[in-house]
Amino acid sequence: VLFVMAHAPGQLRAAGQDTGAEAMLAYAGARNALQGAQGYKALSPEAAIAAAPDFILSTQQSLDLLGGSAGLLRQNGLAQTPAGQAGRVAAMDALELLGFGPRLPQALSRLITLIHGPAAAARA
């Protein structure tokens, strides 16, 4: 799974290792596609393609800024990834996903459902 967020069109950042996004992915039983990078890094088209994610996760705020999933896939080589070619993109509210607050169990259940499907969430 590649986690990306945008604060402006054309300015994507991806979650590398030792980030809150990577922790949530691990809790959900998913592997962070961006290995070898620490923290949140600018995402180049080459890095997106090399990461070869099967799934792209973003924040709802980023999707709103970019014009939805289609807008996200127009950014930085994401359409050329396996996830982009299959249209496997999902988003969650930034605070829900990365807030690590009292809603963490519900956020994790929702993330598991988005990545692995409803049956996986029922088993978690």
PDB file of N, CA and C in Angstrom:
ATOM      1  N   VAL A   1       0.854  -1.177   0.000  1.00  0.00           N
ATOM      2  CA  VAL A   1       0.000   0.000   0.000  1.00  0.00           C
ATOM      3  C   VAL A   1       0.893   1.231   0.000  1.00  0.00           C
ATOM      4  N   LEU A   2       0.594   2.170  -0.873  1.00  0.00           N
ATOM      5  CA  LEU A   2       1.297   3.447  -0.903  1.00  0.00           C
ATOM      6  C   LEU A   2       0.367   4.509  -0.335  1.00  0.00           C
ATOM      7  N   PHE A   3       0.797   5.157   0.746  1.00  0.00           N
ATOM      8  CA  PHE A   3       0.016   6.255   1.322  1.00  0.00           C
ATOM      9  C   PHE A   3       0.548   7.558   0.765  1.00  0.00           C
ATOM     10  N   VAL A   4      -0.346   8.327   0.133  1.00  0.00           N
ATOM     11  CA  VAL A   4       0.026   9.634  -0.413  1.00  0.00           C
ATOM     12  C   VAL A   4      -0.941  10.692   0.086  1.00  0.00           C
ATOM     13  N   MET A   5      -0.410  11.891   0.240  1.00  0.00           N
ATOM     14  CA  MET A   5      -1.265  13.031   0.587  1.00  0.00           C
ATOM     15  C   MET A   5      -0.793  14.235  -0.206  1.00  0.00           C
ATOM     16  N   ALA A   6      -1.729  15.141  -0.440  1.00  0.00           N
ATOM     17  CA  ALA A   6      -1.436  16.344  -1.215  1.00  0.00           C
ATOM     18  C   ALA A   6      -1.882  17.575  -0.442  1.00  0.00           C
ATOM     19  N   HIS A   7      -1.007  18.557  -0.408  1.00  0.00           N
ATOM     20  CA  HIS A   7      -1.366  19.854   0.167  1.00  0.00           C
ATOM     21  C   HIS A   7      -1.631  20.874  -0.938  1.00  0.00           C
ATOM     22  N   ALA A   8      -1.234  20.504  -2.167  1.00  0.00           N
ATOM     23  CA  ALA A   8      -1.478  21.323  -3.352  1.00  0.00           C
ATOM     24  C   ALA A   8      -1.341  20.408  -4.564  1.00  0.00           C
ATOM     25  N   PRO A   9      -2.038  20.717  -5.662  1.00  0.00           N
ATOM     26  CA  PRO A   9      -1.894  19.889  -6.867  1.00  0.00           C
ATOM     27  C   PRO A   9      -0.428  19.821  -7.302  1.00  0.00           C
ATOM     28  N   GLY A  10       0.013  18.635  -7.680  1.00  0.00           N
ATOM     29  CA  GLY A  10       1.386  18.464  -8.134  1.00  0.00           C
ATOM     30  C   GLY A  10       2.399  18.356  -7.016  1.00  0.00           C
ATOM     31  N   GLN A  11       1.952  18.380  -5.768  1.00  0.00           N
ATOM     32  CA  GLN A  11       2.867  18.312  -4.636  1.00  0.00           C
ATOM     33  C   GLN A  11       2.466  17.180  -3.704  1.00  0.00           C
ATOM     34  N   LEU A  12       2.678  15.956  -4.174  1.00  0.00           N
ATOM     35  CA  LEU A  12       2.344  14.791  -3.370  1.00  0.00           C
ATOM     36  C   LEU A  12       3.487  14.436  -2.439  1.00  0.00           C
ATOM     37  N   ARG A  13       3.111  13.960  -1.271  1.00  0.00           N
ATOM     38  CA  ARG A  13       4.067  13.427  -0.313  1.00  0.00           C
ATOM     39  C   ARG A  13       3.632  11.997  -0.009  1.00  0.00           C
ATOM     40  N   ALA A  14       4.603  11.117   0.114  1.00  0.00           N
ATOM     41  CA  ALA A  14       4.325   9.720   0.409  1.00  0.00           C
ATOM     42  C   ALA A  14       4.917   9.376   1.764  1.00  0.00           C
ATOM     43  N   ALA A  15       4.270   8.446   2.436  1.00  0.00           N
ATOM     44  CA  ALA A  15       4.723   8.014   3.755  1.00  0.00           C
ATOM     45  C   ALA A  15       5.762   6.915   3.608  1.00  0.00           C
ATOM     46  N   GLY A  16       6.943   7.212   4.114  1.00  0.00           N
ATOM     47  CA  GLY A  16       7.991   6.208   4.172  1.00  0.00           C
ATOM     48  C   GLY A  16       7.926   5.455   5.484  1.00  0.00           C
ATOM     49  N   GLN A  17       9.057   4.972   5.899  1.00  0.00           N
ATOM     50  CA  GLN A  17       9.142   4.211   7.132  1.00  0.00           C
ATOM     51  C   GLN A  17       9.130   5.151   8.335  1.00  0.00           C
ATOM     52  N   ASP A  18       8.746   4.610   9.479  1.00  0.00           N
ATOM     53  CA  ASP A  18       8.697   5.357  10.740  1.00  0.00           C
ATOM     54  C   ASP A  18       7.731   6.544  10.680  1.00  0.00           C
ATOM     55  N   THR A  19       6.569   6.315  10.089  1.00  0.00           N
ATOM     56  CA  THR A  19       5.522   7.338  10.032  1.00  0.00           C
ATOM     57  C   THR A  19       4.242   6.776  10.644  1.00  0.00           C
ATOM     58  N   GLY A  20       3.347   7.662  11.004  1.00  0.00           N
ATOM     59  CA  GLY A  20       2.051   7.239  11.502  1.00  0.00           C
ATOM     60  C   GLY A  20       1.290   6.433  10.465  1.00  0.00           C
ATOM     61  N   ALA A  21       1.409   6.827   9.207  1.00  0.00           N
ATOM     62  CA  ALA A  21       0.719   6.087   8.145  1.00  0.00           C
ATOM     63  C   ALA A  21       1.254   4.662   8.048  1.00  0.00           C
ATOM     64  N   GLU A  22       2.569   4.493   8.142  1.00  0.00           N
ATOM     65  CA  GLU A  22       3.129   3.145   8.085  1.00  0.00           C
ATOM     66  C   GLU A  22       2.657   2.311   9.271  1.00  0.00           C
ATOM     67  N   ALA A  23       2.570   2.928  10.441  1.00  0.00           N
ATOM     68  CA  ALA A  23       2.070   2.203  11.622  1.00  0.00           C
ATOM     69  C   ALA A  23       0.647   1.722  11.387  1.00  0.00           C
ATOM     70  N   MET A  24      -0.215   2.580  10.853  1.00  0.00           N
ATOM     71  CA  MET A  24      -1.596   2.169  10.591  1.00  0.00           C
ATOM     72  C   MET A  24      -1.653   1.047   9.558  1.00  0.00           C
ATOM     73  N   LEU A  25      -0.812   1.124   8.528  1.00  0.00           N
ATOM     74  CA  LEU A  25      -0.785   0.058   7.532  1.00  0.00           C
ATOM     75  C   LEU A  25      -0.374  -1.260   8.181  1.00  0.00           C
ATOM     76  N   ALA A  26       0.629  -1.216   9.039  1.00  0.00           N
ATOM     77  CA  ALA A  26       1.071  -2.437   9.718  1.00  0.00           C
ATOM     78  C   ALA A  26      -0.031  -2.991  10.609  1.00  0.00           C
ATOM     79  N   TYR A  27      -0.708  -2.128  11.358  1.00  0.00           N
ATOM     80  CA  TYR A  27      -1.818  -2.577  12.204  1.00  0.00           C
ATOM     81  C   TYR A  27      -2.905  -3.253  11.371  1.00  0.00           C
ATOM     82  N   ALA A  28      -3.072  -2.775  10.126  1.00  0.00           N
ATOM     83  CA  ALA A  28      -4.103  -3.314   9.236  1.00  0.00           C
ATOM     84  C   ALA A  28      -3.629  -4.539   8.453  1.00  0.00           C
ATOM     85  N   GLY A  29      -2.397  -4.971   8.715  1.00  0.00           N
ATOM     86  CA  GLY A  29      -1.889  -6.150   8.015  1.00  0.00           C
ATOM     87  C   GLY A  29      -1.435  -5.877   6.605  1.00  0.00           C
ATOM     88  N   ALA A  30      -1.029  -4.643   6.329  1.00  0.00           N
ATOM     89  CA  ALA A  30      -0.568  -4.264   4.992  1.00  0.00           C
ATOM     90  C   ALA A  30       0.898  -3.833   5.065  1.00  0.00           C
ATOM     91  N   ARG A  31       1.592  -3.931   3.951  1.00  0.00           N
ATOM     92  CA  ARG A  31       2.991  -3.523   3.864  1.00  0.00           C
ATOM     93  C   ARG A  31       3.087  -2.176   3.167  1.00  0.00           C
ATOM     94  N   ASN A  32       3.903  -1.301   3.728  1.00  0.00           N
ATOM     95  CA  ASN A  32       4.152   0.004   3.134  1.00  0.00           C
ATOM     96  C   ASN A  32       4.977  -0.195   1.858  1.00  0.00           C
ATOM     97  N   ALA A  33       4.475   0.282   0.733  1.00  0.00           N
ATOM     98  CA  ALA A  33       5.160   0.118  -0.549  1.00  0.00           C
ATOM     99  C   ALA A  33       6.407   0.989  -0.660  1.00  0.00           C
ATOM    100  N   LEU A  34       6.502   2.055   0.129  1.00  0.00           N
ATOM    101  CA  LEU A  34       7.647   2.965   0.036  1.00  0.00           C
ATOM    102  C   LEU A  34       8.694   2.572   1.073  1.00  0.00           C
ATOM    103  N   GLN A  35       9.561   1.682   0.681  1.00  0.00           N
ATOM    104  CA  GLN A  35      10.636   1.217   1.560  1.00  0.00           C
ATOM    105  C   GLN A  35      11.912   1.999   1.244  1.00  0.00           C
ATOM    106  N   GLY A  36      12.768   2.115   2.242  1.00  0.00           N
ATOM    107  CA  GLY A  36      14.043   2.784   2.035  1.00  0.00           C
ATOM    108  C   GLY A  36      13.997   4.284   2.227  1.00  0.00           C
ATOM    109  N   ALA A  37      12.850   4.820   2.555  1.00  0.00           N
ATOM    110  CA  ALA A  37      12.714   6.259   2.809  1.00  0.00           C
ATOM    111  C   ALA A  37      12.168   6.442   4.212  1.00  0.00           C
ATOM    112  N   GLN A  38      12.699   7.400   4.915  1.00  0.00           N
ATOM    113  CA  GLN A  38      12.247   7.697   6.269  1.00  0.00           C
ATOM    114  C   GLN A  38      11.346   8.927   6.240  1.00  0.00           C
ATOM    115  N   GLY A  39      10.253   8.879   6.974  1.00  0.00           N
ATOM    116  CA  GLY A  39       9.369  10.039   7.078  1.00  0.00           C
ATOM    117  C   GLY A  39       8.529  10.242   5.827  1.00  0.00           C
ATOM    118  N   TYR A  40       7.975  11.428   5.720  1.00  0.00           N
ATOM    119  CA  TYR A  40       7.141  11.797   4.573  1.00  0.00           C
ATOM    120  C   TYR A  40       8.027  12.491   3.550  1.00  0.00           C
ATOM    121  N   LYS A  41       8.016  11.999   2.322  1.00  0.00           N
ATOM    122  CA  LYS A  41       8.904  12.494   1.269  1.00  0.00           C
ATOM    123  C   LYS A  41       8.103  12.934   0.057  1.00  0.00           C
ATOM    124  N   ALA A  42       8.660  13.896  -0.671  1.00  0.00           N
ATOM    125  CA  ALA A  42       8.061  14.274  -1.952  1.00  0.00           C
ATOM    126  C   ALA A  42       8.059  13.037  -2.847  1.00  0.00           C
ATOM    127  N   LEU A  43       6.967  12.855  -3.562  1.00  0.00           N
ATOM    128  CA  LEU A  43       6.815  11.662  -4.395  1.00  0.00           C
ATOM    129  C   LEU A  43       7.058  12.013  -5.858  1.00  0.00           C
ATOM    130  N   SER A  44       8.128  11.482  -6.407  1.00  0.00           N
ATOM    131  CA  SER A  44       8.419  11.686  -7.829  1.00  0.00           C
ATOM    132  C   SER A  44       7.687  10.616  -8.636  1.00  0.00           C
ATOM    133  N   PRO A  45       7.484  10.858  -9.932  1.00  0.00           N
ATOM    134  CA  PRO A  45       6.859   9.818 -10.761  1.00  0.00           C
ATOM    135  C   PRO A  45       7.658   8.520 -10.743  1.00  0.00           C
ATOM    136  N   GLU A  46       8.983   8.635 -10.749  1.00  0.00           N
ATOM    137  CA  GLU A  46       9.833   7.445 -10.750  1.00  0.00           C
ATOM    138  C   GLU A  46       9.673   6.643  -9.452  1.00  0.00           C
ATOM    139  N   ALA A  47       9.603   7.345  -8.334  1.00  0.00           N
ATOM    140  CA  ALA A  47       9.445   6.660  -7.043  1.00  0.00           C
ATOM    141  C   ALA A  47       8.087   5.981  -6.950  1.00  0.00           C
ATOM    142  N   ALA A  48       7.049   6.622  -7.472  1.00  0.00           N
ATOM    143  CA  ALA A  48       5.711   6.020  -7.450  1.00  0.00           C
ATOM    144  C   ALA A  48       5.694   4.738  -8.266  1.00  0.00           C
ATOM    145  N   ILE A  49       6.282   4.784  -9.444  1.00  0.00           N
ATOM    146  CA  ILE A  49       6.305   3.609 -10.319  1.00  0.00           C
ATOM    147  C   ILE A  49       7.168   2.511  -9.708  1.00  0.00           C
ATOM    148  N   ALA A  50       8.328   2.863  -9.144  1.00  0.00           N
ATOM    149  CA  ALA A  50       9.218   1.877  -8.534  1.00  0.00           C
ATOM    150  C   ALA A  50       8.580   1.224  -7.311  1.00  0.00           C
ATOM    151  N   ALA A  51       7.760   1.963  -6.565  1.00  0.00           N
ATOM    152  CA  ALA A  51       7.094   1.403  -5.385  1.00  0.00           C
ATOM    153  C   ALA A  51       6.096   0.324  -5.787  1.00  0.00           C
ATOM    154  N   ALA A  52       5.543   0.430  -6.975  1.00  0.00           N
ATOM    155  CA  ALA A  52       4.617  -0.568  -7.539  1.00  0.00           C
ATOM    156  C   ALA A  52       3.526  -0.991  -6.557  1.00  0.00           C
ATOM    157  N   PRO A  53       2.797  -0.033  -5.997  1.00  0.00           N
ATOM    158  CA  PRO A  53       1.767  -0.420  -5.017  1.00  0.00           C
ATOM    159  C   PRO A  53       0.597  -1.151  -5.673  1.00  0.00           C
ATOM    160  N   ASP A  54       0.027  -2.069  -4.923  1.00  0.00           N
ATOM    161  CA  ASP A  54      -1.198  -2.745  -5.345  1.00  0.00           C
ATOM    162  C   ASP A  54      -2.425  -1.958  -4.917  1.00  0.00           C
ATOM    163  N   PHE A  55      -2.211  -0.986  -4.021  1.00  0.00           N
ATOM    164  CA  PHE A  55      -3.315  -0.204  -3.452  1.00  0.00           C
ATOM    165  C   PHE A  55      -2.755   1.165  -3.088  1.00  0.00           C
ATOM    166  N   ILE A  56      -3.516   2.212  -3.346  1.00  0.00           N
ATOM    167  CA  ILE A  56      -3.120   3.572  -2.967  1.00  0.00           C
ATOM    168  C   ILE A  56      -4.117   4.082  -1.940  1.00  0.00           C
ATOM    169  N   LEU A  57      -3.598   4.553  -0.831  1.00  0.00           N
ATOM    170  CA  LEU A  57      -4.396   5.128   0.243  1.00  0.00           C
ATOM    171  C   LEU A  57      -4.046   6.597   0.369  1.00  0.00           C
ATOM    172  N   SER A  58      -5.062   7.419   0.548  1.00  0.00           N
ATOM    173  CA  SER A  58      -4.843   8.852   0.699  1.00  0.00           C
ATOM    174  C   SER A  58      -5.783   9.381   1.767  1.00  0.00           C
ATOM    175  N   THR A  59      -5.729  10.677   1.965  1.00  0.00           N
ATOM    176  CA  THR A  59      -6.687  11.311   2.858  1.00  0.00           C
ATOM    177  C   THR A  59      -7.845  11.843   2.024  1.00  0.00           C
ATOM    178  N   GLN A  60      -9.010  11.926   2.642  1.00  0.00           N
ATOM    179  CA  GLN A  60     -10.162  12.474   1.936  1.00  0.00           C
ATOM    180  C   GLN A  60      -9.902  13.928   1.549  1.00  0.00           C
ATOM    181  N   GLN A  61      -9.186  14.640   2.399  1.00  0.00           N
ATOM    182  CA  GLN A  61      -8.859  16.035   2.125  1.00  0.00           C
ATOM    183  C   GLN A  61      -7.997  16.140   0.855  1.00  0.00           C
ATOM    184  N   SER A  62      -7.069  15.218   0.675  1.00  0.00           N
ATOM    185  CA  SER A  62      -6.238  15.221  -0.528  1.00  0.00           C
ATOM    186  C   SER A  62      -7.078  14.937  -1.763  1.00  0.00           C
ATOM    187  N   LEU A  63      -7.965  13.936  -1.668  1.00  0.00           N
ATOM    188  CA  LEU A  63      -8.823  13.626  -2.822  1.00  0.00           C
ATOM    189  C   LEU A  63      -9.721  14.808  -3.165  1.00  0.00           C
ATOM    190  N   ASP A  64     -10.260  15.464  -2.152  1.00  0.00           N
ATOM    191  CA  ASP A  64     -11.109  16.636  -2.400  1.00  0.00           C
ATOM    192  C   ASP A  64     -10.320  17.721  -3.133  1.00  0.00           C
ATOM    193  N   LEU A  65      -9.085  17.942  -2.733  1.00  0.00           N
ATOM    194  CA  LEU A  65      -8.236  18.958  -3.348  1.00  0.00           C
ATOM    195  C   LEU A  65      -7.916  18.625  -4.803  1.00  0.00           C
ATOM    196  N   LEU A  66      -7.706  17.339  -5.073  1.00  0.00           N
ATOM    197  CA  LEU A  66      -7.269  16.916  -6.403  1.00  0.00           C
ATOM    198  C   LEU A  66      -8.407  16.557  -7.347  1.00  0.00           C
ATOM    199  N   GLY A  67      -9.638  16.551  -6.874  1.00  0.00           N
ATOM    200  CA  GLY A  67     -10.763  16.215  -7.734  1.00  0.00           C
ATOM    201  C   GLY A  67     -11.087  14.736  -7.736  1.00  0.00           C
ATOM    202  N   GLY A  68     -10.921  14.083  -6.603  1.00  0.00           N
ATOM    203  CA  GLY A  68     -11.286  12.678  -6.469  1.00  0.00           C
ATOM    204  C   GLY A  68     -10.177  11.728  -6.862  1.00  0.00           C
ATOM    205  N   SER A  69     -10.541  10.455  -6.925  1.00  0.00           N
ATOM    206  CA  SER A  69      -9.559   9.415  -7.268  1.00  0.00           C
ATOM    207  C   SER A  69      -8.950   9.643  -8.641  1.00  0.00           C
ATOM    208  N   ALA A  70      -9.769  10.057  -9.585  1.00  0.00           N
ATOM    209  CA  ALA A  70      -9.256  10.304 -10.936  1.00  0.00           C
ATOM    210  C   ALA A  70      -8.212  11.410 -10.918  1.00  0.00           C
ATOM    211  N   GLY A  71      -8.434  12.451 -10.140  1.00  0.00           N
ATOM    212  CA  GLY A  71      -7.457  13.528 -10.020  1.00  0.00           C
ATOM    213  C   GLY A  71      -6.173  13.065  -9.371  1.00  0.00           C
ATOM    214  N   LEU A  72      -6.290  12.215  -8.368  1.00  0.00           N
ATOM    215  CA  LEU A  72      -5.099  11.673  -7.720  1.00  0.00           C
ATOM    216  C   LEU A  72      -4.288  10.860  -8.716  1.00  0.00           C
ATOM    217  N   LEU A  73      -4.956  10.044  -9.521  1.00  0.00           N
ATOM    218  CA  LEU A  73      -4.242   9.191 -10.466  1.00  0.00           C
ATOM    219  C   LEU A  73      -3.607   9.969 -11.616  1.00  0.00           C
ATOM    220  N   ARG A  74      -3.953  11.237 -11.773  1.00  0.00           N
ATOM    221  CA  ARG A  74      -3.290  12.078 -12.766  1.00  0.00           C
ATOM    222  C   ARG A  74      -1.976  12.659 -12.234  1.00  0.00           C
ATOM    223  N   GLN A  75      -1.647  12.394 -10.993  1.00  0.00           N
ATOM    224  CA  GLN A  75      -0.463  12.961 -10.354  1.00  0.00           C
ATOM    225  C   GLN A  75       0.712  11.992 -10.386  1.00  0.00           C
ATOM    226  N   ASN A  76       1.890  12.509 -10.639  1.00  0.00           N
ATOM    227  CA  ASN A  76       3.182  11.864 -10.369  1.00  0.00           C
ATOM    228  C   ASN A  76       3.305  10.380 -10.683  1.00  0.00           C
ATOM    229  N   GLY A  77       2.852   9.946 -11.819  1.00  0.00           N
ATOM    230  CA  GLY A  77       3.059   8.561 -12.235  1.00  0.00           C
ATOM    231  C   GLY A  77       2.177   7.530 -11.565  1.00  0.00           C
ATOM    232  N   LEU A  78       1.208   7.956 -10.770  1.00  0.00           N
ATOM    233  CA  LEU A  78       0.386   6.991 -10.042  1.00  0.00           C
ATOM    234  C   LEU A  78      -0.454   6.122 -10.965  1.00  0.00           C
ATOM    235  N   ALA A  79      -0.845   6.638 -12.112  1.00  0.00           N
ATOM    236  CA  ALA A  79      -1.653   5.844 -13.044  1.00  0.00           C
ATOM    237  C   ALA A  79      -0.867   4.664 -13.612  1.00  0.00           C
ATOM    238  N   GLN A  80       0.461   4.745 -13.591  1.00  0.00           N
ATOM    239  CA  GLN A  80       1.290   3.678 -14.139  1.00  0.00           C
ATOM    240  C   GLN A  80       1.584   2.572 -13.126  1.00  0.00           C
ATOM    241  N   THR A  81       1.098   2.707 -11.909  1.00  0.00           N
ATOM    242  CA  THR A  81       1.315   1.672 -10.891  1.00  0.00           C
ATOM    243  C   THR A  81       0.247   0.580 -11.034  1.00  0.00           C
ATOM    244  N   PRO A  82       0.491  -0.604 -10.473  1.00  0.00           N
ATOM    245  CA  PRO A  82      -0.564  -1.628 -10.496  1.00  0.00           C
ATOM    246  C   PRO A  82      -1.863  -1.132  -9.862  1.00  0.00           C
ATOM    247  N   ALA A  83      -1.773  -0.385  -8.767  1.00  0.00           N
ATOM    248  CA  ALA A  83      -2.976   0.152  -8.126  1.00  0.00           C
ATOM    249  C   ALA A  83      -3.686   1.144  -9.039  1.00  0.00           C
ATOM    250  N   GLY A  84      -2.924   2.007  -9.673  1.00  0.00           N
ATOM    251  CA  GLY A  84      -3.523   2.997 -10.574  1.00  0.00           C
ATOM    252  C   GLY A  84      -4.191   2.348 -11.768  1.00  0.00           C
ATOM    253  N   GLN A  85      -3.552   1.350 -12.348  1.00  0.00           N
ATOM    254  CA  GLN A  85      -4.118   0.664 -13.509  1.00  0.00           C
ATOM    255  C   GLN A  85      -5.404  -0.075 -13.150  1.00  0.00           C
ATOM    256  N   ALA A  86      -5.494  -0.559 -11.915  1.00  0.00           N
ATOM    257  CA  ALA A  86      -6.688  -1.286 -11.476  1.00  0.00           C
ATOM    258  C   ALA A  86      -7.704  -0.376 -10.787  1.00  0.00           C
ATOM    259  N   GLY A  87      -7.339   0.897 -10.591  1.00  0.00           N
ATOM    260  CA  GLY A  87      -8.248   1.825  -9.921  1.00  0.00           C
ATOM    261  C   GLY A  87      -8.432   1.542  -8.442  1.00  0.00           C
ATOM    262  N   ARG A  88      -7.447   0.907  -7.813  1.00  0.00           N
ATOM    263  CA  ARG A  88      -7.536   0.608  -6.382  1.00  0.00           C
ATOM    264  C   ARG A  88      -7.014   1.780  -5.560  1.00  0.00           C
ATOM    265  N   VAL A  89      -7.924   2.708  -5.290  1.00  0.00           N
ATOM    266  CA  VAL A  89      -7.630   3.921  -4.525  1.00  0.00           C
ATOM    267  C   VAL A  89      -8.719   4.085  -3.482  1.00  0.00           C
ATOM    268  N   ALA A  90      -8.323   4.431  -2.273  1.00  0.00           N
ATOM    269  CA  ALA A  90      -9.297   4.702  -1.210  1.00  0.00           C
ATOM    270  C   ALA A  90      -8.761   5.830  -0.354  1.00  0.00           C
ATOM    271  N   ALA A  91      -9.665   6.436   0.398  1.00  0.00           N
ATOM    272  CA  ALA A  91      -9.275   7.554   1.258  1.00  0.00           C
ATOM    273  C   ALA A  91     -10.030   7.494   2.571  1.00  0.00           C
ATOM    274  N   MET A  92      -9.400   8.071   3.573  1.00  0.00           N
ATOM    275  CA  MET A  92     -10.019   8.242   4.885  1.00  0.00           C
ATOM    276  C   MET A  92      -9.749   9.670   5.346  1.00  0.00           C
ATOM    277  N   ASP A  93     -10.580  10.146   6.249  1.00  0.00           N
ATOM    278  CA  ASP A  93     -10.344  11.447   6.849  1.00  0.00           C
ATOM    279  C   ASP A  93      -8.956  11.440   7.496  1.00  0.00           C
ATOM    280  N   ALA A  94      -8.192  12.507   7.323  1.00  0.00           N
ATOM    281  CA  ALA A  94      -6.818  12.562   7.829  1.00  0.00           C
ATOM    282  C   ALA A  94      -6.746  12.362   9.334  1.00  0.00           C
ATOM    283  N   LEU A  95      -7.610  13.011  10.077  1.00  0.00           N
ATOM    284  CA  LEU A  95      -7.566  12.886  11.528  1.00  0.00           C
ATOM    285  C   LEU A  95      -7.987  11.490  11.974  1.00  0.00           C
ATOM    286  N   GLU A  96      -8.960  10.901  11.271  1.00  0.00           N
ATOM    287  CA  GLU A  96      -9.381   9.543  11.603  1.00  0.00           C
ATOM    288  C   GLU A  96      -8.233   8.562  11.373  1.00  0.00           C
ATOM    289  N   LEU A  97      -7.551   8.694  10.258  1.00  0.00           N
ATOM    290  CA  LEU A  97      -6.492   7.760   9.887  1.00  0.00           C
ATOM    291  C   LEU A  97      -5.224   7.969  10.702  1.00  0.00           C
ATOM    292  N   LEU A  98      -4.848   9.216  10.934  1.00  0.00           N
ATOM    293  CA  LEU A  98      -3.542   9.505  11.520  1.00  0.00           C
ATOM    294  C   LEU A  98      -3.602  10.109  12.916  1.00  0.00           C
ATOM    295  N   GLY A  99      -4.813  10.227  13.482  1.00  0.00           N
ATOM    296  CA  GLY A  99      -4.965  10.891  14.769  1.00  0.00           C
ATOM    297  C   GLY A  99      -4.606  10.047  15.978  1.00  0.00           C
ATOM    298  N   PHE A 100      -4.680   8.724  15.854  1.00  0.00           N
ATOM    299  CA  PHE A 100      -4.348   7.815  16.952  1.00  0.00           C
ATOM    300  C   PHE A 100      -5.043   8.212  18.256  1.00  0.00           C
ATOM    301  N   GLY A 101      -6.290   8.597  18.130  1.00  0.00           N
ATOM    302  CA  GLY A 101      -7.078   9.003  19.292  1.00  0.00           C
ATOM    303  C   GLY A 101      -8.053   7.924  19.709  1.00  0.00           C
ATOM    304  N   PRO A 102      -9.104   8.314  20.396  1.00  0.00           N
ATOM    305  CA  PRO A 102     -10.069   7.336  20.900  1.00  0.00           C
ATOM    306  C   PRO A 102     -10.819   6.579  19.797  1.00  0.00           C
ATOM    307  N   ARG A 103     -10.813   7.105  18.575  1.00  0.00           N
ATOM    308  CA  ARG A 103     -11.480   6.410  17.460  1.00  0.00           C
ATOM    309  C   ARG A 103     -10.557   5.412  16.759  1.00  0.00           C
ATOM    310  N   LEU A 104      -9.392   5.121  17.324  1.00  0.00           N
ATOM    311  CA  LEU A 104      -8.431   4.229  16.676  1.00  0.00           C
ATOM    312  C   LEU A 104      -9.021   2.866  16.323  1.00  0.00           C
ATOM    313  N   PRO A 105      -9.746   2.192  17.209  1.00  0.00           N
ATOM    314  CA  PRO A 105     -10.302   0.883  16.817  1.00  0.00           C
ATOM    315  C   PRO A 105     -11.242   0.978  15.614  1.00  0.00           C
ATOM    316  N   GLN A 106     -12.087   2.009  15.577  1.00  0.00           N
ATOM    317  CA  GLN A 106     -13.000   2.170  14.441  1.00  0.00           C
ATOM    318  C   GLN A 106     -12.218   2.522  13.172  1.00  0.00           C
ATOM    319  N   ALA A 107     -11.204   3.358  13.309  1.00  0.00           N
ATOM    320  CA  ALA A 107     -10.391   3.734  12.153  1.00  0.00           C
ATOM    321  C   ALA A 107      -9.667   2.512  11.593  1.00  0.00           C
ATOM    322  N   LEU A 108      -9.144   1.688  12.467  1.00  0.00           N
ATOM    323  CA  LEU A 108      -8.432   0.494  12.029  1.00  0.00           C
ATOM    324  C   LEU A 108      -9.384  -0.489  11.339  1.00  0.00           C
ATOM    325  N   SER A 109     -10.572  -0.662  11.887  1.00  0.00           N
ATOM    326  CA  SER A 109     -11.562  -1.536  11.258  1.00  0.00           C
ATOM    327  C   SER A 109     -11.918  -1.035   9.864  1.00  0.00           C
ATOM    328  N   ARG A 110     -12.115   0.255   9.737  1.00  0.00           N
ATOM    329  CA  ARG A 110     -12.437   0.851   8.431  1.00  0.00           C
ATOM    330  C   ARG A 110     -11.283   0.667   7.450  1.00  0.00           C
ATOM    331  N   LEU A 111     -10.046   0.874   7.926  1.00  0.00           N
ATOM    332  CA  LEU A 111      -8.880   0.710   7.058  1.00  0.00           C
ATOM    333  C   LEU A 111      -8.749  -0.734   6.591  1.00  0.00           C
ATOM    334  N   ILE A 112      -8.941  -1.679   7.487  1.00  0.00           N
ATOM    335  CA  ILE A 112      -8.886  -3.099   7.111  1.00  0.00           C
ATOM    336  C   ILE A 112      -9.926  -3.408   6.039  1.00  0.00           C
ATOM    337  N   THR A 113     -11.126  -2.866   6.210  1.00  0.00           N
ATOM    338  CA  THR A 113     -12.177  -3.073   5.216  1.00  0.00           C
ATOM    339  C   THR A 113     -11.786  -2.483   3.869  1.00  0.00           C
ATOM    340  N   LEU A 114     -11.231  -1.289   3.868  1.00  0.00           N
ATOM    341  CA  LEU A 114     -10.832  -0.645   2.608  1.00  0.00           C
ATOM    342  C   LEU A 114      -9.760  -1.448   1.880  1.00  0.00           C
ATOM    343  N   ILE A 115      -8.781  -1.949   2.628  1.00  0.00           N
ATOM    344  CA  ILE A 115      -7.658  -2.633   2.007  1.00  0.00           C
ATOM    345  C   ILE A 115      -7.971  -4.095   1.687  1.00  0.00           C
ATOM    346  N   HIS A 116      -8.556  -4.800   2.635  1.00  0.00           N
ATOM    347  CA  HIS A 116      -8.723  -6.252   2.503  1.00  0.00           C
ATOM    348  C   HIS A 116     -10.151  -6.706   2.233  1.00  0.00           C
ATOM    349  N   GLY A 117     -11.138  -5.817   2.387  1.00  0.00           N
ATOM    350  CA  GLY A 117     -12.521  -6.181   2.164  1.00  0.00           C
ATOM    351  C   GLY A 117     -13.279  -6.431   3.457  1.00  0.00           C
ATOM    352  N   PRO A 118     -14.608  -6.448   3.389  1.00  0.00           N
ATOM    353  CA  PRO A 118     -15.444  -6.585   4.576  1.00  0.00           C
ATOM    354  C   PRO A 118     -15.223  -7.870   5.363  1.00  0.00           C
ATOM    355  N   ALA A 119     -14.928  -8.959   4.684  1.00  0.00           N
ATOM    356  CA  ALA A 119     -14.749 -10.226   5.394  1.00  0.00           C
ATOM    357  C   ALA A 119     -13.534 -10.168   6.312  1.00  0.00           C
ATOM    358  N   ALA A 120     -12.478  -9.473   5.893  1.00  0.00           N
ATOM    359  CA  ALA A 120     -11.276  -9.350   6.715  1.00  0.00           C
ATOM    360  C   ALA A 120     -11.559  -8.541   7.965  1.00  0.00           C
ATOM    361  N   ALA A 121     -12.345  -7.484   7.834  1.00  0.00           N
ATOM    362  CA  ALA A 121     -12.686  -6.657   9.001  1.00  0.00           C
ATOM    363  C   ALA A 121     -13.501  -7.454  10.009  1.00  0.00           C
ATOM    364  N   ALA A 122     -14.336  -8.346   9.536  1.00  0.00           N
ATOM    365  CA  ALA A 122     -15.154  -9.148  10.445  1.00  0.00           C
ATOM    366  C   ALA A 122     -14.276 -10.124  11.251  1.00  0.00           C
ATOM    367  N   ARG A 123     -13.173 -10.566  10.656  1.00  0.00           N
ATOM    368  CA  ARG A 123     -12.264 -11.491  11.339  1.00  0.00           C
ATOM    369  C   ARG A 123     -11.344 -10.756  12.308  1.00  0.00           C
ATOM    370  N   ALA A 124     -11.137  -9.449  12.097  1.00  0.00           N
ATOM    371  CA  ALA A 124     -10.165  -8.689  12.927  1.00  0.00           C
ATOM    372  C   ALA A 124     -10.677  -8.450  14.320  1.00  0.00           C
TER     373      ALA A 124
END
